[in-house]
N, C-alpha and C. Protein backbone atom coordinates (compact mmCIF):
# COMPACT_ATOMS: atom_id res chain seq x y z
N MET A 1 232.00 137.01 82.79
CA MET A 1 231.05 136.12 83.48
C MET A 1 231.17 136.49 85.17
N PRO A 2 229.54 136.41 85.59
CA PRO A 2 229.34 136.15 86.34
C PRO A 2 230.03 135.60 87.86
N ALA A 3 230.57 136.26 88.98
CA ALA A 3 230.55 135.20 90.25
C ALA A 3 229.87 134.26 90.45
N ARG A 4 230.15 133.15 91.00
CA ARG A 4 228.96 132.17 91.44
C ARG A 4 229.53 131.25 92.48
N CYS A 5 229.11 131.29 93.14
CA CYS A 5 228.87 130.15 95.23
C CYS A 5 229.72 129.15 94.48
N ILE A 6 230.90 129.08 95.22
CA ILE A 6 231.85 128.23 94.77
C ILE A 6 231.80 126.72 95.97
N ILE A 7 230.61 126.53 96.56
CA ILE A 7 229.95 125.07 97.67
C ILE A 7 229.16 124.46 96.51
N ALA A 8 230.72 123.42 96.03
CA ALA A 8 230.38 122.23 95.68
C ALA A 8 228.59 121.82 95.44
N GLY A 9 227.63 121.76 93.55
CA GLY A 9 226.59 121.25 93.96
C GLY A 9 225.85 122.27 94.03
N CYS A 10 226.26 123.66 94.46
CA CYS A 10 225.94 125.18 94.15
C CYS A 10 226.02 125.98 92.88
N SER A 11 225.56 126.55 92.01
CA SER A 11 225.91 127.42 91.68
C SER A 11 224.94 128.92 91.47
N ASN A 12 225.03 129.38 92.17
CA ASN A 12 224.51 130.50 92.42
C ASN A 12 225.10 131.62 92.14
N THR A 13 223.94 132.20 91.19
CA THR A 13 224.81 134.09 91.17
C THR A 13 223.68 135.22 91.57
N THR A 14 223.95 136.21 91.66
CA THR A 14 223.12 137.31 91.97
C THR A 14 221.82 136.72 91.36
N LYS A 15 221.64 136.11 90.16
CA LYS A 15 220.67 136.43 89.36
C LYS A 15 219.61 135.57 89.98
N ASP A 16 220.16 134.72 90.78
CA ASP A 16 219.13 133.50 91.87
C ASP A 16 218.34 134.35 92.45
N CYS A 17 218.59 134.95 92.59
CA CYS A 17 218.11 135.58 93.60
C CYS A 17 218.71 135.74 95.06
N VAL A 18 220.13 135.44 95.10
CA VAL A 18 220.42 135.71 96.45
C VAL A 18 221.86 136.15 96.48
N SER A 19 222.69 136.99 97.53
CA SER A 19 223.77 137.55 97.97
C SER A 19 224.57 136.93 98.08
N LEU A 20 225.76 137.29 97.38
CA LEU A 20 227.23 136.35 97.09
C LEU A 20 228.08 137.58 98.28
N HIS A 21 228.71 136.19 99.19
CA HIS A 21 229.70 136.89 100.38
C HIS A 21 231.22 136.55 100.11
N VAL A 22 232.27 137.59 99.97
CA VAL A 22 233.77 137.39 99.77
C VAL A 22 233.55 136.57 101.19
N PHE A 23 235.49 135.55 101.19
CA PHE A 23 235.77 135.31 102.36
C PHE A 23 236.41 136.18 103.24
N PRO A 24 236.09 136.29 104.47
CA PRO A 24 236.61 137.99 105.62
C PRO A 24 238.20 137.29 105.45
N LYS A 25 238.52 138.78 105.99
CA LYS A 25 240.05 138.83 105.78
C LYS A 25 240.67 138.53 107.11
N ASP A 26 239.78 138.12 107.95
CA ASP A 26 240.17 137.43 109.68
C ASP A 26 240.88 136.09 109.39
N ASP A 27 242.04 135.83 109.40
CA ASP A 27 242.21 134.94 109.09
C ASP A 27 242.12 133.60 109.98
N ASN A 28 241.70 133.24 110.78
CA ASN A 28 240.97 132.49 112.09
C ASN A 28 239.91 131.91 111.28
N LEU A 29 238.97 132.92 110.71
CA LEU A 29 237.66 133.58 110.01
C LEU A 29 237.74 132.47 109.02
N GLN A 30 238.60 133.40 108.28
CA GLN A 30 239.25 132.53 106.68
C GLN A 30 239.20 131.22 106.83
N ARG A 31 240.14 130.86 107.40
CA ARG A 31 240.40 129.22 107.76
C ARG A 31 239.28 128.15 107.96
N ILE A 32 238.22 128.93 108.77
CA ILE A 32 236.68 127.83 108.85
C ILE A 32 235.90 128.24 107.78
N TRP A 33 235.72 128.94 107.41
CA TRP A 33 235.34 129.02 105.31
C TRP A 33 235.84 128.10 104.91
N THR A 34 237.40 128.15 104.90
CA THR A 34 237.87 127.33 104.11
C THR A 34 237.35 125.94 104.30
N SER A 35 237.29 125.48 105.74
CA SER A 35 236.87 124.11 105.90
C SER A 35 235.90 123.71 105.59
N LYS A 36 234.94 124.62 105.35
CA LYS A 36 233.33 124.75 105.19
C LYS A 36 233.46 123.58 103.46
N VAL A 37 234.47 124.61 102.99
CA VAL A 37 234.49 124.66 101.81
C VAL A 37 234.83 123.42 100.78
N LYS A 38 236.07 122.74 102.24
CA LYS A 38 236.60 121.67 101.57
C LYS A 38 235.73 120.51 101.80
N LEU A 39 235.20 120.57 102.76
CA LEU A 39 233.63 119.64 103.24
C LEU A 39 233.07 119.27 101.78
N THR A 40 233.22 120.32 100.74
CA THR A 40 232.73 119.51 99.62
C THR A 40 233.30 119.65 98.40
N ARG A 41 234.45 120.13 98.21
CA ARG A 41 235.28 119.95 97.89
C ARG A 41 236.72 119.85 98.11
N GLY A 42 237.23 118.18 98.07
CA GLY A 42 238.46 117.72 98.73
C GLY A 42 239.90 118.58 98.19
N ASN A 43 239.91 119.03 97.15
CA ASN A 43 240.95 118.98 96.80
C ASN A 43 240.78 120.34 96.38
N TRP A 44 240.15 121.57 96.88
CA TRP A 44 240.27 122.81 96.69
C TRP A 44 241.06 123.28 97.35
N LYS A 45 242.12 124.30 96.69
CA LYS A 45 243.27 125.11 97.25
C LYS A 45 243.31 126.05 98.17
N GLY A 46 242.13 127.05 98.60
CA GLY A 46 241.74 128.15 99.58
C GLY A 46 241.47 129.19 98.28
N PRO A 47 240.67 130.28 99.05
CA PRO A 47 239.95 130.82 98.20
C PRO A 47 241.41 132.28 97.55
N SER A 48 240.19 132.83 96.27
CA SER A 48 240.91 133.25 95.66
C SER A 48 240.39 134.79 95.99
N ASP A 49 240.82 136.14 95.45
CA ASP A 49 240.05 137.50 95.14
C ASP A 49 238.30 137.03 94.82
N MET A 50 238.19 135.96 94.11
CA MET A 50 237.13 136.18 93.13
C MET A 50 236.22 134.87 94.29
N SER A 51 236.30 134.09 95.07
CA SER A 51 235.65 133.24 95.50
C SER A 51 234.49 134.15 96.54
N VAL A 52 233.28 133.42 96.20
CA VAL A 52 232.40 133.82 97.08
C VAL A 52 231.32 132.72 97.15
N ILE A 53 230.27 132.71 98.53
CA ILE A 53 230.05 131.75 99.16
C ILE A 53 228.61 132.74 99.36
N CYS A 54 226.91 131.86 98.58
CA CYS A 54 226.29 132.72 98.75
C CYS A 54 225.04 132.70 99.92
N SER A 55 224.32 133.07 99.82
CA SER A 55 223.06 133.51 101.03
C SER A 55 222.88 132.43 101.73
N THR A 56 222.53 131.27 100.52
CA THR A 56 221.66 130.12 101.10
C THR A 56 222.66 129.15 102.36
N HIS A 57 223.47 129.60 102.03
CA HIS A 57 224.46 128.75 103.07
C HIS A 57 224.92 129.10 104.49
N PHE A 58 223.84 130.10 104.85
CA PHE A 58 224.31 130.84 105.87
C PHE A 58 222.39 131.11 106.79
N GLU A 59 222.65 130.76 108.11
CA GLU A 59 221.13 130.85 108.75
C GLU A 59 220.79 132.67 108.61
N ASP A 60 219.65 132.52 109.10
CA ASP A 60 219.56 134.06 108.49
C ASP A 60 219.61 134.66 109.81
N SER A 61 219.76 134.30 111.02
CA SER A 61 221.02 134.86 112.12
C SER A 61 221.77 135.07 111.76
N ASP A 62 222.59 135.23 110.77
CA ASP A 62 224.04 135.41 110.72
C ASP A 62 223.80 136.52 109.61
N PHE A 63 222.84 137.26 109.58
CA PHE A 63 223.16 138.55 108.75
C PHE A 63 222.44 139.63 109.43
N ASP A 64 222.96 140.82 108.86
CA ASP A 64 222.48 142.40 109.91
C ASP A 64 221.17 142.68 109.43
N HIS A 65 220.30 142.55 110.32
CA HIS A 65 219.04 143.39 110.28
C HIS A 65 218.78 144.54 110.61
N GLY A 66 219.71 145.58 110.17
CA GLY A 66 219.76 146.99 111.04
C GLY A 66 219.13 147.71 110.67
N LEU A 67 219.61 149.04 110.89
CA LEU A 67 218.26 150.14 109.65
C LEU A 67 219.15 150.75 108.42
N TYR A 68 220.38 150.05 108.11
CA TYR A 68 220.64 150.58 106.59
C TYR A 68 220.46 149.36 105.89
N SER A 69 219.98 147.79 105.97
CA SER A 69 219.09 147.08 105.28
C SER A 69 217.49 147.23 105.03
N LEU A 70 217.13 148.34 106.16
CA LEU A 70 215.96 148.09 105.87
C LEU A 70 215.41 149.34 104.94
N PHE A 71 216.63 150.44 104.85
CA PHE A 71 216.24 151.43 104.35
C PHE A 71 217.37 151.62 102.71
N SER A 72 217.82 150.78 102.89
CA SER A 72 218.85 150.53 101.48
C SER A 72 217.86 150.56 100.57
N PHE A 73 219.02 151.23 99.33
CA PHE A 73 217.75 151.22 98.13
C PHE A 73 218.06 150.03 97.33
N LYS A 74 219.13 149.07 97.57
CA LYS A 74 219.49 148.07 96.71
C LYS A 74 218.95 147.32 98.06
N LYS A 75 218.62 146.24 97.94
CA LYS A 75 218.27 144.81 98.89
C LYS A 75 219.45 144.49 99.07
N LEU A 76 220.39 144.87 100.08
CA LEU A 76 221.84 144.03 100.57
C LEU A 76 221.70 143.56 101.84
N ARG A 77 221.92 142.11 101.75
CA ARG A 77 222.17 141.16 103.01
C ARG A 77 223.82 140.96 103.76
N ARG A 78 223.55 141.65 104.72
CA ARG A 78 225.14 142.02 105.15
C ARG A 78 225.52 140.81 106.13
N LEU A 79 226.36 140.25 105.91
CA LEU A 79 226.57 138.85 107.27
C LEU A 79 227.45 139.70 108.39
N LYS A 80 226.97 139.14 109.41
CA LYS A 80 227.64 139.79 110.83
C LYS A 80 229.31 138.98 110.82
N PRO A 81 230.26 140.01 111.30
CA PRO A 81 231.45 139.39 110.78
C PRO A 81 231.56 138.19 111.29
N ASP A 82 231.08 137.62 112.23
CA ASP A 82 231.31 136.35 112.54
C ASP A 82 230.70 135.29 111.92
N ALA A 83 229.75 135.24 111.09
CA ALA A 83 229.51 134.51 110.30
C ALA A 83 230.02 133.52 109.92
N VAL A 84 229.51 132.27 110.19
CA VAL A 84 230.69 130.87 109.75
C VAL A 84 229.20 130.24 108.56
N PRO A 85 229.84 129.83 107.52
CA PRO A 85 228.52 129.04 105.93
C PRO A 85 228.31 127.77 106.77
N ILE A 86 227.09 127.52 106.59
CA ILE A 86 226.70 126.01 106.85
C ILE A 86 226.66 125.10 105.95
N ILE A 87 226.52 124.30 106.05
CA ILE A 87 227.45 123.08 104.67
C ILE A 87 225.78 121.86 105.24
N LYS A 88 225.40 121.79 104.06
CA LYS A 88 223.89 120.86 104.09
C LYS A 88 223.78 119.60 103.48
N SER A 89 223.27 118.59 103.20
CA SER A 89 223.53 117.67 102.75
C SER A 89 222.61 118.15 101.21
N ASN A 90 222.86 117.41 99.99
CA ASN A 90 221.65 117.68 98.52
C ASN A 90 220.67 117.96 98.63
N VAL A 91 219.95 117.10 99.28
CA VAL A 91 218.68 117.33 99.81
C VAL A 91 218.19 118.21 100.71
N GLU A 92 218.76 118.75 101.38
CA GLU A 92 218.60 119.82 101.87
C GLU A 92 219.06 121.32 101.45
N LEU A 93 219.92 120.94 100.50
CA LEU A 93 220.31 122.26 100.20
C LEU A 93 219.11 123.12 99.08
N THR A 94 218.65 121.60 98.29
CA THR A 94 217.97 122.07 97.27
C THR A 94 216.41 122.61 98.03
N GLN A 95 216.03 122.08 98.90
CA GLN A 95 214.82 122.68 99.61
C GLN A 95 215.19 124.02 100.13
N VAL A 96 216.25 124.58 100.70
CA VAL A 96 216.81 125.27 101.02
C VAL A 96 217.31 126.79 99.94
N PHE A 97 217.35 126.27 98.90
CA PHE A 97 217.22 127.00 97.72
C PHE A 97 216.05 127.37 96.94
N ALA A 98 215.28 126.62 97.54
CA ALA A 98 214.06 127.03 96.79
C ALA A 98 213.07 127.84 97.47
N ILE A 99 213.62 127.73 99.20
CA ILE A 99 213.25 128.82 99.64
C ILE A 99 213.09 129.78 99.57
N GLN A 100 214.65 129.85 100.46
CA GLN A 100 215.45 131.09 100.30
C GLN A 100 215.07 131.77 98.70
N LYS A 101 215.17 131.54 97.65
CA LYS A 101 214.65 132.25 96.54
C LYS A 101 213.28 132.74 96.25
N ILE A 102 212.65 132.14 96.79
CA ILE A 102 211.52 132.87 96.95
C ILE A 102 211.34 133.31 98.46
N ARG A 103 211.66 133.39 99.37
CA ARG A 103 211.55 134.88 99.88
C ARG A 103 212.68 135.69 99.98
N ILE A 104 213.80 135.67 99.13
CA ILE A 104 214.80 137.21 98.58
C ILE A 104 213.98 137.53 97.21
N CYS A 105 213.50 136.81 96.80
CA CYS A 105 212.61 137.60 95.20
C CYS A 105 211.53 137.92 95.64
N LYS A 106 211.11 137.84 97.00
CA LYS A 106 209.68 138.75 97.47
C LYS A 106 209.83 139.59 97.80
N ASP A 107 210.99 139.67 98.90
CA ASP A 107 211.96 140.93 99.50
C ASP A 107 212.09 141.61 98.34
N MET A 108 212.83 141.33 97.43
CA MET A 108 213.49 142.39 96.20
C MET A 108 212.01 143.31 95.38
N GLU A 109 210.95 142.39 95.40
CA GLU A 109 210.18 142.81 94.47
C GLU A 109 209.14 143.93 95.49
N TYR A 110 209.11 143.53 96.77
CA TYR A 110 208.74 144.98 97.62
C TYR A 110 209.65 145.67 97.67
N TRP A 111 210.54 145.74 97.86
CA TRP A 111 211.38 146.92 97.99
C TRP A 111 211.58 147.83 96.25
N LEU A 112 211.06 146.93 95.32
CA LEU A 112 211.04 147.61 93.77
C LEU A 112 209.83 148.32 93.21
N ILE A 113 209.02 148.18 94.17
CA ILE A 113 207.35 148.31 94.12
C ILE A 113 207.60 149.81 94.82
């Protein structure tokens, strides 16, 4: 079973042309990420080894756009070490998902050509 984004209302997988990001090891940052997820899932107990958040819940500025990402064979989107997910309303999320899927899929097509 593929990993899915754990934000409530979002079930993105890598098949949806998004990148998935595991919870940070840093305790403070992990607590912040956990509090963001709890805004959408009140009874959520906390991250497991399989818990991931998709790229639609981060700003473009949260990603490292260094040389590795430009010349990588895989179009990997690497988060900066201090990145924190953003939680938007369901209407905003629907619009963001559509825009980011188009942008990421176009990027992937560009790199696959």
